[in-house]
Amino acid sequence: MISKKIYRDFLNNYFDNLRIDYGLFYKWKYSLRFALGVGNTSSDAYFDEASKRATTIFESTFSPSDSIYVILVDFKYKRRKIRFSNFLFKQIKSLNKSEVV
């Protein structure tokens, strides 16, 4: 299991003390944004297309043997425990609860 210190050290070493915070896209000097959805945002087709595009970007960027950090920040302006039943965790195959910090 990875500790918060390990991922913070990683960010400090490779991303010039990047602070994961609300509005990260606008605060960081290097940002890349993708438009994932097309059309009516309330339709299933919109979310299916967005999911397909996100998967294509991910699979084009990482190989199956790569190790990655997934940092999930819930901006609810109050402390809450991020539950393992969260939608994000359901999208990751073979994720063990012990790997979530």
PDB file of N, CA and C in Angstrom:
ATOM      1  N   MET A   1       0.845  -1.177   0.000  1.00  0.00           N
ATOM      2  CA  MET A   1       0.000   0.000   0.000  1.00  0.00           C
ATOM      3  C   MET A   1       0.892   1.242   0.000  1.00  0.00           C
ATOM      4  N   ILE A   2       0.492   2.222  -0.734  1.00  0.00           N
ATOM      5  CA  ILE A   2       1.227   3.475  -0.852  1.00  0.00           C
ATOM      6  C   ILE A   2       0.733   4.480   0.183  1.00  0.00           C
ATOM      7  N   SER A   3       1.634   5.210   0.754  1.00  0.00           N
ATOM      8  CA  SER A   3       1.248   6.218   1.736  1.00  0.00           C
ATOM      9  C   SER A   3       1.111   7.573   1.052  1.00  0.00           C
ATOM     10  N   LYS A   4       0.456   8.501   1.730  1.00  0.00           N
ATOM     11  CA  LYS A   4       0.321   9.851   1.187  1.00  0.00           C
ATOM     12  C   LYS A   4       1.686  10.490   0.984  1.00  0.00           C
ATOM     13  N   LYS A   5       2.614  10.195   1.852  1.00  0.00           N
ATOM     14  CA  LYS A   5       3.960  10.756   1.725  1.00  0.00           C
ATOM     15  C   LYS A   5       4.616  10.316   0.412  1.00  0.00           C
ATOM     16  N   ILE A   6       4.436   9.063   0.034  1.00  0.00           N
ATOM     17  CA  ILE A   6       5.060   8.561  -1.191  1.00  0.00           C
ATOM     18  C   ILE A   6       4.519   9.299  -2.412  1.00  0.00           C
ATOM     19  N   TYR A   7       3.198   9.459  -2.516  1.00  0.00           N
ATOM     20  CA  TYR A   7       2.682  10.152  -3.704  1.00  0.00           C
ATOM     21  C   TYR A   7       2.991  11.645  -3.648  1.00  0.00           C
ATOM     22  N   ARG A   8       3.031  12.240  -2.462  1.00  0.00           N
ATOM     23  CA  ARG A   8       3.412  13.655  -2.374  1.00  0.00           C
ATOM     24  C   ARG A   8       4.866  13.848  -2.777  1.00  0.00           C
ATOM     25  N   ASP A   9       5.744  12.950  -2.352  1.00  0.00           N
ATOM     26  CA  ASP A   9       7.149  13.007  -2.772  1.00  0.00           C
ATOM     27  C   ASP A   9       7.259  12.856  -4.284  1.00  0.00           C
ATOM     28  N   PHE A  10       6.460  11.954  -4.865  1.00  0.00           N
ATOM     29  CA  PHE A  10       6.443  11.764  -6.317  1.00  0.00           C
ATOM     30  C   PHE A  10       6.042  13.061  -7.016  1.00  0.00           C
ATOM     31  N   LEU A  11       4.971  13.698  -6.545  1.00  0.00           N
ATOM     32  CA  LEU A  11       4.535  14.957  -7.139  1.00  0.00           C
ATOM     33  C   LEU A  11       5.606  16.024  -6.998  1.00  0.00           C
ATOM     34  N   ASN A  12       6.242  16.098  -5.832  1.00  0.00           N
ATOM     35  CA  ASN A  12       7.288  17.098  -5.616  1.00  0.00           C
ATOM     36  C   ASN A  12       8.484  16.869  -6.534  1.00  0.00           C
ATOM     37  N   ASN A  13       8.849  15.614  -6.735  1.00  0.00           N
ATOM     38  CA  ASN A  13      10.018  15.296  -7.544  1.00  0.00           C
ATOM     39  C   ASN A  13       9.789  15.452  -9.043  1.00  0.00           C
ATOM     40  N   TYR A  14       8.600  15.097  -9.516  1.00  0.00           N
ATOM     41  CA  TYR A  14       8.358  15.074 -10.951  1.00  0.00           C
ATOM     42  C   TYR A  14       7.464  16.205 -11.454  1.00  0.00           C
ATOM     43  N   PHE A  15       6.753  16.867 -10.571  1.00  0.00           N
ATOM     44  CA  PHE A  15       5.803  17.894 -10.997  1.00  0.00           C
ATOM     45  C   PHE A  15       5.984  19.205 -10.251  1.00  0.00           C
ATOM     46  N   ASP A  16       7.219  19.496  -9.880  1.00  0.00           N
ATOM     47  CA  ASP A  16       7.563  20.809  -9.321  1.00  0.00           C
ATOM     48  C   ASP A  16       6.597  21.256  -8.218  1.00  0.00           C
ATOM     49  N   ASN A  17       6.407  20.404  -7.234  1.00  0.00           N
ATOM     50  CA  ASN A  17       5.556  20.706  -6.077  1.00  0.00           C
ATOM     51  C   ASN A  17       4.093  20.972  -6.441  1.00  0.00           C
ATOM     52  N   LEU A  18       3.602  20.250  -7.433  1.00  0.00           N
ATOM     53  CA  LEU A  18       2.200  20.364  -7.829  1.00  0.00           C
ATOM     54  C   LEU A  18       1.296  20.094  -6.630  1.00  0.00           C
ATOM     55  N   ARG A  19       0.328  20.955  -6.442  1.00  0.00           N
ATOM     56  CA  ARG A  19      -0.632  20.778  -5.357  1.00  0.00           C
ATOM     57  C   ARG A  19      -1.975  20.413  -5.994  1.00  0.00           C
ATOM     58  N   ILE A  20      -2.488  19.242  -5.639  1.00  0.00           N
ATOM     59  CA  ILE A  20      -3.782  18.810  -6.152  1.00  0.00           C
ATOM     60  C   ILE A  20      -4.847  19.619  -5.417  1.00  0.00           C
ATOM     61  N   ASP A  21      -5.510  20.487  -6.152  1.00  0.00           N
ATOM     62  CA  ASP A  21      -6.451  21.411  -5.535  1.00  0.00           C
ATOM     63  C   ASP A  21      -7.543  21.744  -6.544  1.00  0.00           C
ATOM     64  N   TYR A  22      -8.618  22.314  -6.062  1.00  0.00           N
ATOM     65  CA  TYR A  22      -9.726  22.717  -6.917  1.00  0.00           C
ATOM     66  C   TYR A  22      -9.228  23.689  -7.988  1.00  0.00           C
ATOM     67  N   GLY A  23      -9.617  23.493  -9.225  1.00  0.00           N
ATOM     68  CA  GLY A  23      -9.209  24.352 -10.322  1.00  0.00           C
ATOM     69  C   GLY A  23      -7.810  24.049 -10.827  1.00  0.00           C
ATOM     70  N   LEU A  24      -7.372  22.818 -10.658  1.00  0.00           N
ATOM     71  CA  LEU A  24      -6.014  22.422 -11.031  1.00  0.00           C
ATOM     72  C   LEU A  24      -5.695  22.760 -12.482  1.00  0.00           C
ATOM     73  N   PHE A  25      -6.630  22.544 -13.378  1.00  0.00           N
ATOM     74  CA  PHE A  25      -6.395  22.795 -14.800  1.00  0.00           C
ATOM     75  C   PHE A  25      -5.930  24.235 -15.030  1.00  0.00           C
ATOM     76  N   TYR A  26      -6.512  25.187 -14.314  1.00  0.00           N
ATOM     77  CA  TYR A  26      -6.196  26.592 -14.524  1.00  0.00           C
ATOM     78  C   TYR A  26      -4.988  27.045 -13.711  1.00  0.00           C
ATOM     79  N   LYS A  27      -4.627  26.322 -12.681  1.00  0.00           N
ATOM     80  CA  LYS A  27      -3.534  26.732 -11.797  1.00  0.00           C
ATOM     81  C   LYS A  27      -2.177  26.175 -12.205  1.00  0.00           C
ATOM     82  N   TRP A  28      -2.145  25.100 -12.968  1.00  0.00           N
ATOM     83  CA  TRP A  28      -0.899  24.445 -13.318  1.00  0.00           C
ATOM     84  C   TRP A  28      -0.407  24.978 -14.647  1.00  0.00           C
ATOM     85  N   LYS A  29       0.923  25.149 -14.789  1.00  0.00           N
ATOM     86  CA  LYS A  29       1.475  25.746 -16.003  1.00  0.00           C
ATOM     87  C   LYS A  29       1.351  24.846 -17.230  1.00  0.00           C
ATOM     88  N   TYR A  30       1.209  23.528 -17.035  1.00  0.00           N
ATOM     89  CA  TYR A  30       1.031  22.593 -18.153  1.00  0.00           C
ATOM     90  C   TYR A  30      -0.317  21.903 -17.989  1.00  0.00           C
ATOM     91  N   SER A  31      -1.199  22.126 -18.912  1.00  0.00           N
ATOM     92  CA  SER A  31      -2.526  21.515 -18.824  1.00  0.00           C
ATOM     93  C   SER A  31      -2.963  21.045 -20.207  1.00  0.00           C
ATOM     94  N   LEU A  32      -3.684  19.969 -20.215  1.00  0.00           N
ATOM     95  CA  LEU A  32      -4.220  19.427 -21.454  1.00  0.00           C
ATOM     96  C   LEU A  32      -5.662  19.026 -21.179  1.00  0.00           C
ATOM     97  N   ARG A  33      -6.558  19.491 -22.018  1.00  0.00           N
ATOM     98  CA  ARG A  33      -7.976  19.221 -21.795  1.00  0.00           C
ATOM     99  C   ARG A  33      -8.562  18.541 -23.018  1.00  0.00           C
ATOM    100  N   PHE A  34      -9.420  17.559 -22.789  1.00  0.00           N
ATOM    101  CA  PHE A  34     -10.090  16.834 -23.857  1.00  0.00           C
ATOM    102  C   PHE A  34     -11.592  17.013 -23.726  1.00  0.00           C
ATOM    103  N   ALA A  35     -12.270  17.245 -24.832  1.00  0.00           N
ATOM    104  CA  ALA A  35     -13.732  17.253 -24.843  1.00  0.00           C
ATOM    105  C   ALA A  35     -14.163  15.806 -25.075  1.00  0.00           C
ATOM    106  N   LEU A  36     -14.723  15.190 -24.061  1.00  0.00           N
ATOM    107  CA  LEU A  36     -15.058  13.772 -24.144  1.00  0.00           C
ATOM    108  C   LEU A  36     -16.467  13.511 -24.643  1.00  0.00           C
ATOM    109  N   GLY A  37     -17.375  14.395 -24.322  1.00  0.00           N
ATOM    110  CA  GLY A  37     -18.768  14.168 -24.695  1.00  0.00           C
ATOM    111  C   GLY A  37     -19.183  15.018 -25.878  1.00  0.00           C
ATOM    112  N   VAL A  38     -20.171  14.528 -26.615  1.00  0.00           N
ATOM    113  CA  VAL A  38     -20.715  15.251 -27.764  1.00  0.00           C
ATOM    114  C   VAL A  38     -22.231  15.161 -27.694  1.00  0.00           C
ATOM    115  N   GLY A  39     -22.899  16.289 -27.868  1.00  0.00           N
ATOM    116  CA  GLY A  39     -24.360  16.274 -27.934  1.00  0.00           C
ATOM    117  C   GLY A  39     -25.040  16.543 -26.611  1.00  0.00           C
ATOM    118  N   ASN A  40     -26.217  15.964 -26.469  1.00  0.00           N
ATOM    119  CA  ASN A  40     -27.093  16.164 -25.312  1.00  0.00           C
ATOM    120  C   ASN A  40     -26.508  15.493 -24.071  1.00  0.00           C
ATOM    121  N   THR A  41     -26.195  16.298 -23.056  1.00  0.00           N
ATOM    122  CA  THR A  41     -25.537  15.763 -21.861  1.00  0.00           C
ATOM    123  C   THR A  41     -26.443  14.894 -20.996  1.00  0.00           C
ATOM    124  N   SER A  42     -27.717  14.879 -21.271  1.00  0.00           N
ATOM    125  CA  SER A  42     -28.618  14.068 -20.440  1.00  0.00           C
ATOM    126  C   SER A  42     -28.932  12.709 -21.066  1.00  0.00           C
ATOM    127  N   SER A  43     -28.240  12.369 -22.145  1.00  0.00           N
ATOM    128  CA  SER A  43     -28.540  11.096 -22.805  1.00  0.00           C
ATOM    129  C   SER A  43     -27.492  10.043 -22.460  1.00  0.00           C
ATOM    130  N   ASP A  44     -27.902   8.791 -22.526  1.00  0.00           N
ATOM    131  CA  ASP A  44     -26.963   7.687 -22.306  1.00  0.00           C
ATOM    132  C   ASP A  44     -25.884   7.662 -23.385  1.00  0.00           C
ATOM    133  N   ALA A  45     -26.239   8.039 -24.602  1.00  0.00           N
ATOM    134  CA  ALA A  45     -25.280   8.048 -25.709  1.00  0.00           C
ATOM    135  C   ALA A  45     -24.132   9.014 -25.417  1.00  0.00           C
ATOM    136  N   TYR A  46     -24.439  10.133 -24.791  1.00  0.00           N
ATOM    137  CA  TYR A  46     -23.412  11.110 -24.425  1.00  0.00           C
ATOM    138  C   TYR A  46     -22.384  10.472 -23.487  1.00  0.00           C
ATOM    139  N   PHE A  47     -22.860   9.815 -22.449  1.00  0.00           N
ATOM    140  CA  PHE A  47     -21.960   9.212 -21.466  1.00  0.00           C
ATOM    141  C   PHE A  47     -21.245   7.983 -22.036  1.00  0.00           C
ATOM    142  N   ASP A  48     -21.896   7.245 -22.896  1.00  0.00           N
ATOM    143  CA  ASP A  48     -21.224   6.119 -23.558  1.00  0.00           C
ATOM    144  C   ASP A  48     -20.059   6.620 -24.410  1.00  0.00           C
ATOM    145  N   GLU A  49     -20.293   7.676 -25.160  1.00  0.00           N
ATOM    146  CA  GLU A  49     -19.243   8.245 -26.009  1.00  0.00           C
ATOM    147  C   GLU A  49     -18.115   8.838 -25.160  1.00  0.00           C
ATOM    148  N   ALA A  50     -18.458   9.530 -24.098  1.00  0.00           N
ATOM    149  CA  ALA A  50     -17.439  10.098 -23.211  1.00  0.00           C
ATOM    150  C   ALA A  50     -16.588   8.999 -22.589  1.00  0.00           C
ATOM    151  N   SER A  51     -17.217   7.918 -22.174  1.00  0.00           N
ATOM    152  CA  SER A  51     -16.491   6.787 -21.603  1.00  0.00           C
ATOM    153  C   SER A  51     -15.564   6.148 -22.639  1.00  0.00           C
ATOM    154  N   LYS A  52     -16.070   5.981 -23.860  1.00  0.00           N
ATOM    155  CA  LYS A  52     -15.265   5.383 -24.925  1.00  0.00           C
ATOM    156  C   LYS A  52     -14.054   6.260 -25.239  1.00  0.00           C
ATOM    157  N   ARG A  53     -14.253   7.555 -25.303  1.00  0.00           N
ATOM    158  CA  ARG A  53     -13.145   8.471 -25.594  1.00  0.00           C
ATOM    159  C   ARG A  53     -12.125   8.494 -24.455  1.00  0.00           C
ATOM    160  N   ALA A  54     -12.597   8.496 -23.225  1.00  0.00           N
ATOM    161  CA  ALA A  54     -11.680   8.484 -22.074  1.00  0.00           C
ATOM    162  C   ALA A  54     -10.858   7.198 -22.060  1.00  0.00           C
ATOM    163  N   THR A  55     -11.497   6.079 -22.363  1.00  0.00           N
ATOM    164  CA  THR A  55     -10.790   4.795 -22.414  1.00  0.00           C
ATOM    165  C   THR A  55      -9.736   4.800 -23.513  1.00  0.00           C
ATOM    166  N   THR A  56     -10.060   5.360 -24.678  1.00  0.00           N
ATOM    167  CA  THR A  56      -9.103   5.432 -25.786  1.00  0.00           C
ATOM    168  C   THR A  56      -7.885   6.272 -25.391  1.00  0.00           C
ATOM    169  N   ILE A  57      -8.113   7.400 -24.749  1.00  0.00           N
ATOM    170  CA  ILE A  57      -7.000   8.247 -24.304  1.00  0.00           C
ATOM    171  C   ILE A  57      -6.144   7.497 -23.284  1.00  0.00           C
ATOM    172  N   PHE A  58      -6.786   6.855 -22.327  1.00  0.00           N
ATOM    173  CA  PHE A  58      -6.049   6.116 -21.296  1.00  0.00           C
ATOM    174  C   PHE A  58      -5.214   5.000 -21.900  1.00  0.00           C
ATOM    175  N   GLU A  59      -5.819   4.199 -22.758  1.00  0.00           N
ATOM    176  CA  GLU A  59      -5.118   3.058 -23.350  1.00  0.00           C
ATOM    177  C   GLU A  59      -4.028   3.492 -24.321  1.00  0.00           C
ATOM    178  N   SER A  60      -4.153   4.675 -24.911  1.00  0.00           N
ATOM    179  CA  SER A  60      -3.110   5.207 -25.781  1.00  0.00           C
ATOM    180  C   SER A  60      -1.941   5.771 -24.978  1.00  0.00           C
ATOM    181  N   THR A  61      -2.202   6.133 -23.748  1.00  0.00           N
ATOM    182  CA  THR A  61      -1.191   6.764 -22.899  1.00  0.00           C
ATOM    183  C   THR A  61      -0.417   5.755 -22.064  1.00  0.00           C
ATOM    184  N   PHE A  62      -1.097   4.750 -21.547  1.00  0.00           N
ATOM    185  CA  PHE A  62      -0.479   3.797 -20.624  1.00  0.00           C
ATOM    186  C   PHE A  62      -0.491   2.390 -21.206  1.00  0.00           C
ATOM    187  N   SER A  63       0.540   1.635 -20.881  1.00  0.00           N
ATOM    188  CA  SER A  63       0.551   0.223 -21.259  1.00  0.00           C
ATOM    189  C   SER A  63       0.000  -0.592 -20.082  1.00  0.00           C
ATOM    190  N   PRO A  64      -0.467  -1.807 -20.329  1.00  0.00           N
ATOM    191  CA  PRO A  64      -1.052  -2.616 -19.244  1.00  0.00           C
ATOM    192  C   PRO A  64      -0.092  -2.872 -18.073  1.00  0.00           C
ATOM    193  N   SER A  65       1.202  -2.807 -18.319  1.00  0.00           N
ATOM    194  CA  SER A  65       2.163  -3.083 -17.244  1.00  0.00           C
ATOM    195  C   SER A  65       2.568  -1.824 -16.469  1.00  0.00           C
ATOM    196  N   ASP A  66       2.087  -0.649 -16.882  1.00  0.00           N
ATOM    197  CA  ASP A  66       2.434   0.594 -16.180  1.00  0.00           C
ATOM    198  C   ASP A  66       1.790   0.648 -14.802  1.00  0.00           C
ATOM    199  N   SER A  67       2.517   1.221 -13.869  1.00  0.00           N
ATOM    200  CA  SER A  67       1.955   1.554 -12.561  1.00  0.00           C
ATOM    201  C   SER A  67       1.542   3.014 -12.616  1.00  0.00           C
ATOM    202  N   ILE A  68       0.368   3.312 -12.098  1.00  0.00           N
ATOM    203  CA  ILE A  68      -0.111   4.693 -12.117  1.00  0.00           C
ATOM    204  C   ILE A  68      -0.674   5.057 -10.746  1.00  0.00           C
ATOM    205  N   TYR A  69      -0.698   6.348 -10.474  1.00  0.00           N
ATOM    206  CA  TYR A  69      -1.395   6.872  -9.300  1.00  0.00           C
ATOM    207  C   TYR A  69      -2.717   7.432  -9.792  1.00  0.00           C
ATOM    208  N   VAL A  70      -3.784   7.087  -9.127  1.00  0.00           N
ATOM    209  CA  VAL A  70      -5.078   7.705  -9.377  1.00  0.00           C
ATOM    210  C   VAL A  70      -5.414   8.469  -8.108  1.00  0.00           C
ATOM    211  N   ILE A  71      -5.501   9.774  -8.240  1.00  0.00           N
ATOM    212  CA  ILE A  71      -5.796  10.618  -7.080  1.00  0.00           C
ATOM    213  C   ILE A  71      -7.216  11.125  -7.259  1.00  0.00           C
ATOM    214  N   LEU A  72      -8.075  10.718  -6.365  1.00  0.00           N
ATOM    215  CA  LEU A  72      -9.475  11.129  -6.401  1.00  0.00           C
ATOM    216  C   LEU A  72      -9.682  12.159  -5.300  1.00  0.00           C
ATOM    217  N   VAL A  73     -10.090  13.341  -5.695  1.00  0.00           N
ATOM    218  CA  VAL A  73     -10.358  14.404  -4.734  1.00  0.00           C
ATOM    219  C   VAL A  73     -11.835  14.744  -4.858  1.00  0.00           C
ATOM    220  N   ASP A  74     -12.530  14.640  -3.758  1.00  0.00           N
ATOM    221  CA  ASP A  74     -13.956  14.942  -3.721  1.00  0.00           C
ATOM    222  C   ASP A  74     -14.112  16.358  -3.185  1.00  0.00           C
ATOM    223  N   PHE A  75     -14.427  17.306  -4.045  1.00  0.00           N
ATOM    224  CA  PHE A  75     -14.539  18.698  -3.636  1.00  0.00           C
ATOM    225  C   PHE A  75     -15.939  18.993  -3.113  1.00  0.00           C
ATOM    226  N   LYS A  76     -16.196  18.547  -1.919  1.00  0.00           N
ATOM    227  CA  LYS A  76     -17.491  18.805  -1.287  1.00  0.00           C
ATOM    228  C   LYS A  76     -17.346  19.839  -0.170  1.00  0.00           C
ATOM    229  N   TYR A  77     -16.130  20.379  -0.008  1.00  0.00           N
ATOM    230  CA  TYR A  77     -15.844  21.405   0.987  1.00  0.00           C
ATOM    231  C   TYR A  77     -16.083  20.939   2.412  1.00  0.00           C
ATOM    232  N   LYS A  78     -15.999  19.650   2.622  1.00  0.00           N
ATOM    233  CA  LYS A  78     -16.040  19.111   3.976  1.00  0.00           C
ATOM    234  C   LYS A  78     -15.374  17.750   3.941  1.00  0.00           C
ATOM    235  N   ARG A  79     -14.910  17.299   5.050  1.00  0.00           N
ATOM    236  CA  ARG A  79     -14.214  16.019   5.098  1.00  0.00           C
ATOM    237  C   ARG A  79     -15.220  14.886   5.007  1.00  0.00           C
ATOM    238  N   ARG A  80     -14.923  13.967   4.096  1.00  0.00           N
ATOM    239  CA  ARG A  80     -15.739  12.768   3.955  1.00  0.00           C
ATOM    240  C   ARG A  80     -14.814  11.636   3.579  1.00  0.00           C
ATOM    241  N   LYS A  81     -15.154  10.471   4.017  1.00  0.00           N
ATOM    242  CA  LYS A  81     -14.380   9.308   3.619  1.00  0.00           C
ATOM    243  C   LYS A  81     -14.808   8.908   2.205  1.00  0.00           C
ATOM    244  N   ILE A  82     -13.818   8.652   1.342  1.00  0.00           N
ATOM    245  CA  ILE A  82     -14.127   8.198  -0.012  1.00  0.00           C
ATOM    246  C   ILE A  82     -14.407   6.705   0.067  1.00  0.00           C
ATOM    247  N   ARG A  83     -15.582   6.312  -0.280  1.00  0.00           N
ATOM    248  CA  ARG A  83     -15.999   4.922  -0.133  1.00  0.00           C
ATOM    249  C   ARG A  83     -15.486   4.059  -1.284  1.00  0.00           C
ATOM    250  N   PHE A  84     -15.168   2.816  -0.945  1.00  0.00           N
ATOM    251  CA  PHE A  84     -14.654   1.879  -1.943  1.00  0.00           C
ATOM    252  C   PHE A  84     -15.712   1.575  -2.998  1.00  0.00           C
ATOM    253  N   SER A  85     -16.966   1.818  -2.683  1.00  0.00           N
ATOM    254  CA  SER A  85     -18.043   1.580  -3.653  1.00  0.00           C
ATOM    255  C   SER A  85     -18.153   2.714  -4.674  1.00  0.00           C
ATOM    256  N   ASN A  86     -17.305   3.726  -4.573  1.00  0.00           N
ATOM    257  CA  ASN A  86     -17.307   4.855  -5.497  1.00  0.00           C
ATOM    258  C   ASN A  86     -17.248   4.365  -6.945  1.00  0.00           C
ATOM    259  N   PHE A  87     -17.931   5.061  -7.841  1.00  0.00           N
ATOM    260  CA  PHE A  87     -18.009   4.685  -9.254  1.00  0.00           C
ATOM    261  C   PHE A  87     -16.630   4.505  -9.871  1.00  0.00           C
ATOM    262  N   LEU A  88     -15.680   5.375  -9.533  1.00  0.00           N
ATOM    263  CA  LEU A  88     -14.331   5.284 -10.106  1.00  0.00           C
ATOM    264  C   LEU A  88     -13.703   3.929  -9.842  1.00  0.00           C
ATOM    265  N   PHE A  89     -13.825   3.433  -8.641  1.00  0.00           N
ATOM    266  CA  PHE A  89     -13.199   2.162  -8.288  1.00  0.00           C
ATOM    267  C   PHE A  89     -13.828   0.989  -9.033  1.00  0.00           C
ATOM    268  N   LYS A  90     -15.074   1.119  -9.393  1.00  0.00           N
ATOM    269  CA  LYS A  90     -15.752   0.054 -10.139  1.00  0.00           C
ATOM    270  C   LYS A  90     -15.237  -0.028 -11.582  1.00  0.00           C
ATOM    271  N   GLN A  91     -14.563   1.026 -12.048  1.00  0.00           N
ATOM    272  CA  GLN A  91     -14.051   1.052 -13.416  1.00  0.00           C
ATOM    273  C   GLN A  91     -12.666   0.413 -13.533  1.00  0.00           C
ATOM    274  N   ILE A  92     -12.032   0.101 -12.408  1.00  0.00           N
ATOM    275  CA  ILE A  92     -10.673  -0.427 -12.412  1.00  0.00           C
ATOM    276  C   ILE A  92     -10.712  -1.922 -12.150  1.00  0.00           C
ATOM    277  N   LYS A  93     -10.277  -2.695 -13.147  1.00  0.00           N
ATOM    278  CA  LYS A  93     -10.284  -4.154 -12.999  1.00  0.00           C
ATOM    279  C   LYS A  93      -9.263  -4.595 -11.965  1.00  0.00           C
ATOM    280  N   SER A  94      -9.597  -5.616 -11.212  1.00  0.00           N
ATOM    281  CA  SER A  94      -8.693  -6.252 -10.248  1.00  0.00           C
ATOM    282  C   SER A  94      -8.162  -5.289  -9.200  1.00  0.00           C
ATOM    283  N   LEU A  95      -8.932  -4.286  -8.830  1.00  0.00           N
ATOM    284  CA  LEU A  95      -8.508  -3.355  -7.788  1.00  0.00           C
ATOM    285  C   LEU A  95      -8.789  -3.979  -6.430  1.00  0.00           C
ATOM    286  N   ASN A  96      -7.783  -4.012  -5.589  1.00  0.00           N
ATOM    287  CA  ASN A  96      -7.945  -4.523  -4.231  1.00  0.00           C
ATOM    288  C   ASN A  96      -8.157  -3.376  -3.264  1.00  0.00           C
ATOM    289  N   LYS A  97      -9.010  -3.568  -2.310  1.00  0.00           N
ATOM    290  CA  LYS A  97      -9.303  -2.537  -1.328  1.00  0.00           C
ATOM    291  C   LYS A  97      -8.035  -2.084  -0.606  1.00  0.00           C
ATOM    292  N   SER A  98      -7.103  -3.003  -0.427  1.00  0.00           N
ATOM    293  CA  SER A  98      -5.864  -2.677   0.271  1.00  0.00           C
ATOM    294  C   SER A  98      -4.986  -1.707  -0.519  1.00  0.00           C
ATOM    295  N   GLU A  99      -5.274  -1.524  -1.810  1.00  0.00           N
ATOM    296  CA  GLU A  99      -4.493  -0.615  -2.644  1.00  0.00           C
ATOM    297  C   GLU A  99      -5.033   0.819  -2.614  1.00  0.00           C
ATOM    298  N   VAL A 100      -6.130   1.030  -1.936  1.00  0.00           N
ATOM    299  CA  VAL A 100      -6.752   2.353  -1.881  1.00  0.00           C
ATOM    300  C   VAL A 100      -6.401   3.005  -0.564  1.00  0.00           C
ATOM    301  N   VAL A 101      -5.796   4.203  -0.666  1.00  0.00           N
ATOM    302  CA  VAL A 101      -5.424   4.959   0.523  1.00  0.00           C
ATOM    303  C   VAL A 101      -6.288   6.186   0.607  1.00  0.00           C
TER     304      VAL A 101
END
